[in-house]
């Protein structure tokens, strides 16, 4: 009574669906600050030392580190400068005497 069935042959065995293993619990996404710190560390590792003979390296380093600072400031919820504040700081750097006069007029620095 040993009757063979078509699925007993090696080449005709029915496909047995595999039961997937349970997925590992997803790690919680890092906070914006943790992500910013990670980006900063990686940028510093990569661009911290630049070959002074290659201007392209300096350009890449500047862009990478500037972006890392943007990510960090965004994570710290620092507000971007307004156009007015950016212009005022530019004038302050270029014309310190004028900046001191205007600050005195506004009542700052007393």
C-alpha atoms as a PDB file:
ATOM      1  CA  UNK A   1       0.000   0.000   0.000  1.00  0.00           C
ATOM      2  CA  UNK A   2       2.931   2.182  -0.341  1.00  0.00           C
ATOM      3  CA  UNK A   3       1.444   4.347  -2.992  1.00  0.00           C
ATOM      4  CA  UNK A   4       3.559   7.136  -4.475  1.00  0.00           C
ATOM      5  CA  UNK A   5       2.091  10.493  -5.187  1.00  0.00           C
ATOM      6  CA  UNK A   6       3.283  13.009  -7.693  1.00  0.00           C
ATOM      7  CA  UNK A   7       4.532  15.295  -4.953  1.00  0.00           C
ATOM      8  CA  UNK A   8       6.775  12.596  -3.515  1.00  0.00           C
ATOM      9  CA  UNK A   9       9.264  12.963  -6.340  1.00  0.00           C
ATOM     10  CA  UNK A  10      12.022  15.486  -5.571  1.00  0.00           C
ATOM     11  CA  UNK A  11      11.276  17.622  -8.605  1.00  0.00           C
ATOM     12  CA  UNK A  12       7.539  17.811  -7.940  1.00  0.00           C
ATOM     13  CA  UNK A  13       7.383  18.656  -4.264  1.00  0.00           C
ATOM     14  CA  UNK A  14       4.848  21.332  -3.509  1.00  0.00           C
ATOM     15  CA  UNK A  15       6.302  24.635  -2.480  1.00  0.00           C
ATOM     16  CA  UNK A  16       5.882  25.073   1.236  1.00  0.00           C
ATOM     17  CA  UNK A  17       5.526  28.712   2.077  1.00  0.00           C
ATOM     18  CA  UNK A  18       8.159  29.906   4.470  1.00  0.00           C
ATOM     19  CA  UNK A  19       6.915  31.594   7.565  1.00  0.00           C
ATOM     20  CA  UNK A  20       8.769  34.857   7.887  1.00  0.00           C
ATOM     21  CA  UNK A  21      10.681  35.423  11.073  1.00  0.00           C
ATOM     22  CA  UNK A  22       9.250  38.180  13.186  1.00  0.00           C
ATOM     23  CA  UNK A  23      10.865  41.461  12.296  1.00  0.00           C
ATOM     24  CA  UNK A  24      13.072  42.977  14.927  1.00  0.00           C
ATOM     25  CA  UNK A  25      11.552  45.961  16.644  1.00  0.00           C
ATOM     26  CA  UNK A  26      12.410  49.096  14.725  1.00  0.00           C
ATOM     27  CA  UNK A  27      14.758  51.347  16.580  1.00  0.00           C
ATOM     28  CA  UNK A  28      13.177  54.643  17.414  1.00  0.00           C
ATOM     29  CA  UNK A  29      14.165  57.395  15.027  1.00  0.00           C
ATOM     30  CA  UNK A  30      16.814  59.627  16.526  1.00  0.00           C
ATOM     31  CA  UNK A  31      15.790  63.057  17.656  1.00  0.00           C
ATOM     32  CA  UNK A  32      16.638  65.979  15.414  1.00  0.00           C
ATOM     33  CA  UNK A  33      19.437  66.927  17.796  1.00  0.00           C
ATOM     34  CA  UNK A  34      20.897  63.409  17.800  1.00  0.00           C
ATOM     35  CA  UNK A  35      20.744  63.340  13.992  1.00  0.00           C
ATOM     36  CA  UNK A  36      22.376  66.777  13.813  1.00  0.00           C
ATOM     37  CA  UNK A  37      25.161  65.643  16.132  1.00  0.00           C
ATOM     38  CA  UNK A  38      25.726  62.547  13.990  1.00  0.00           C
ATOM     39  CA  UNK A  39      25.838  64.644  10.803  1.00  0.00           C
ATOM     40  CA  UNK A  40      28.270  67.082  12.440  1.00  0.00           C
ATOM     41  CA  UNK A  41      30.558  64.293  13.619  1.00  0.00           C
ATOM     42  CA  UNK A  42      30.609  62.642  10.207  1.00  0.00           C
ATOM     43  CA  UNK A  43      31.274  65.932   8.436  1.00  0.00           C
ATOM     44  CA  UNK A  44      34.084  66.764  10.824  1.00  0.00           C
ATOM     45  CA  UNK A  45      35.580  63.295  10.373  1.00  0.00           C
ATOM     46  CA  UNK A  46      35.420  63.650   6.609  1.00  0.00           C
ATOM     47  CA  UNK A  47      36.310  67.323   6.188  1.00  0.00           C
ATOM     48  CA  UNK A  48      38.190  68.075   9.413  1.00  0.00           C
ATOM     49  CA  UNK A  49      41.567  67.867   7.711  1.00  0.00           C
ATOM     50  CA  UNK A  50      41.825  69.253   4.203  1.00  0.00           C
ATOM     51  CA  UNK A  51      44.727  69.093   1.765  1.00  0.00           C
ATOM     52  CA  UNK A  52      45.805  72.711   1.398  1.00  0.00           C
ATOM     53  CA  UNK A  53      47.016  72.172  -2.161  1.00  0.00           C
ATOM     54  CA  UNK A  54      43.551  71.356  -3.501  1.00  0.00           C
ATOM     55  CA  UNK A  55      40.992  74.169  -3.706  1.00  0.00           C
ATOM     56  CA  UNK A  56      38.262  71.632  -4.501  1.00  0.00           C
ATOM     57  CA  UNK A  57      38.816  70.013  -1.085  1.00  0.00           C
ATOM     58  CA  UNK A  58      38.339  73.402   0.590  1.00  0.00           C
ATOM     59  CA  UNK A  59      35.150  74.002  -1.367  1.00  0.00           C
ATOM     60  CA  UNK A  60      33.744  70.606  -0.424  1.00  0.00           C
ATOM     61  CA  UNK A  61      34.735  71.053   3.207  1.00  0.00           C
ATOM     62  CA  UNK A  62      33.102  74.474   3.391  1.00  0.00           C
ATOM     63  CA  UNK A  63      29.850  73.185   1.897  1.00  0.00           C
ATOM     64  CA  UNK A  64      29.772  70.092   4.092  1.00  0.00           C
ATOM     65  CA  UNK A  65      30.502  71.917   7.319  1.00  0.00           C
ATOM     66  CA  UNK A  66      28.061  74.723   6.477  1.00  0.00           C
ATOM     67  CA  UNK A  67      25.331  72.140   5.907  1.00  0.00           C
ATOM     68  CA  UNK A  68      26.178  70.407   9.196  1.00  0.00           C
ATOM     69  CA  UNK A  69      25.792  73.753  10.970  1.00  0.00           C
ATOM     70  CA  UNK A  70      22.427  74.342   9.284  1.00  0.00           C
ATOM     71  CA  UNK A  71      21.200  70.923  10.432  1.00  0.00           C
ATOM     72  CA  UNK A  72      22.412  71.601  13.973  1.00  0.00           C
ATOM     73  CA  UNK A  73      20.824  75.049  14.144  1.00  0.00           C
ATOM     74  CA  UNK A  74      17.546  73.673  12.786  1.00  0.00           C
ATOM     75  CA  UNK A  75      17.613  70.921  15.440  1.00  0.00           C
ATOM     76  CA  UNK A  76      18.174  73.536  18.129  1.00  0.00           C
ATOM     77  CA  UNK A  77      15.169  75.426  16.738  1.00  0.00           C
ATOM     78  CA  UNK A  78      17.293  78.497  16.077  1.00  0.00           C
ATOM     79  CA  UNK A  79      15.395  80.994  14.007  1.00  0.00           C
ATOM     80  CA  UNK A  80      16.985  81.992  10.687  1.00  0.00           C
ATOM     81  CA  UNK A  81      18.179  85.559  10.386  1.00  0.00           C
ATOM     82  CA  UNK A  82      15.828  88.005   8.757  1.00  0.00           C
ATOM     83  CA  UNK A  83      17.056  90.020   5.794  1.00  0.00           C
ATOM     84  CA  UNK A  84      17.101  93.108   8.029  1.00  0.00           C
ATOM     85  CA  UNK A  85      19.262  91.377  10.667  1.00  0.00           C
ATOM     86  CA  UNK A  86      21.585  89.991   7.996  1.00  0.00           C
ATOM     87  CA  UNK A  87      22.006  93.494   6.495  1.00  0.00           C
ATOM     88  CA  UNK A  88      22.606  95.032   9.932  1.00  0.00           C
ATOM     89  CA  UNK A  89      25.326  92.493  10.719  1.00  0.00           C
ATOM     90  CA  UNK A  90      26.944  93.125   7.351  1.00  0.00           C
ATOM     91  CA  UNK A  91      27.040  96.872   8.016  1.00  0.00           C
ATOM     92  CA  UNK A  92      28.359  96.229  11.539  1.00  0.00           C
ATOM     93  CA  UNK A  93      31.279  94.224  10.124  1.00  0.00           C
ATOM     94  CA  UNK A  94      32.067  96.646   7.308  1.00  0.00           C
ATOM     95  CA  UNK A  95      31.609  99.898   9.219  1.00  0.00           C
ATOM     96  CA  UNK A  96      32.240  99.396  12.950  1.00  0.00           C
ATOM     97  CA  UNK A  97      32.135 103.148  13.691  1.00  0.00           C
ATOM     98  CA  UNK A  98      28.754 103.524  12.001  1.00  0.00           C
ATOM     99  CA  UNK A  99      27.563 100.358  13.783  1.00  0.00           C
ATOM    100  CA  UNK A 100      28.583 101.781  17.174  1.00  0.00           C
ATOM    101  CA  UNK A 101      26.792 105.056  16.417  1.00  0.00           C
ATOM    102  CA  UNK A 102      23.603 103.299  15.310  1.00  0.00           C
ATOM    103  CA  UNK A 103      23.704 100.981  18.348  1.00  0.00           C
ATOM    104  CA  UNK A 104      23.992 104.062  20.606  1.00  0.00           C
ATOM    105  CA  UNK A 105      21.031 105.628  18.791  1.00  0.00           C
ATOM    106  CA  UNK A 106      18.983 102.484  19.418  1.00  0.00           C
ATOM    107  CA  UNK A 107      20.018 102.538  23.080  1.00  0.00           C
ATOM    108  CA  UNK A 108      21.991  99.294  22.851  1.00  0.00           C
ATOM    109  CA  UNK A 109      25.245  98.614  24.673  1.00  0.00           C
ATOM    110  CA  UNK A 110      24.663 100.978  27.598  1.00  0.00           C
END
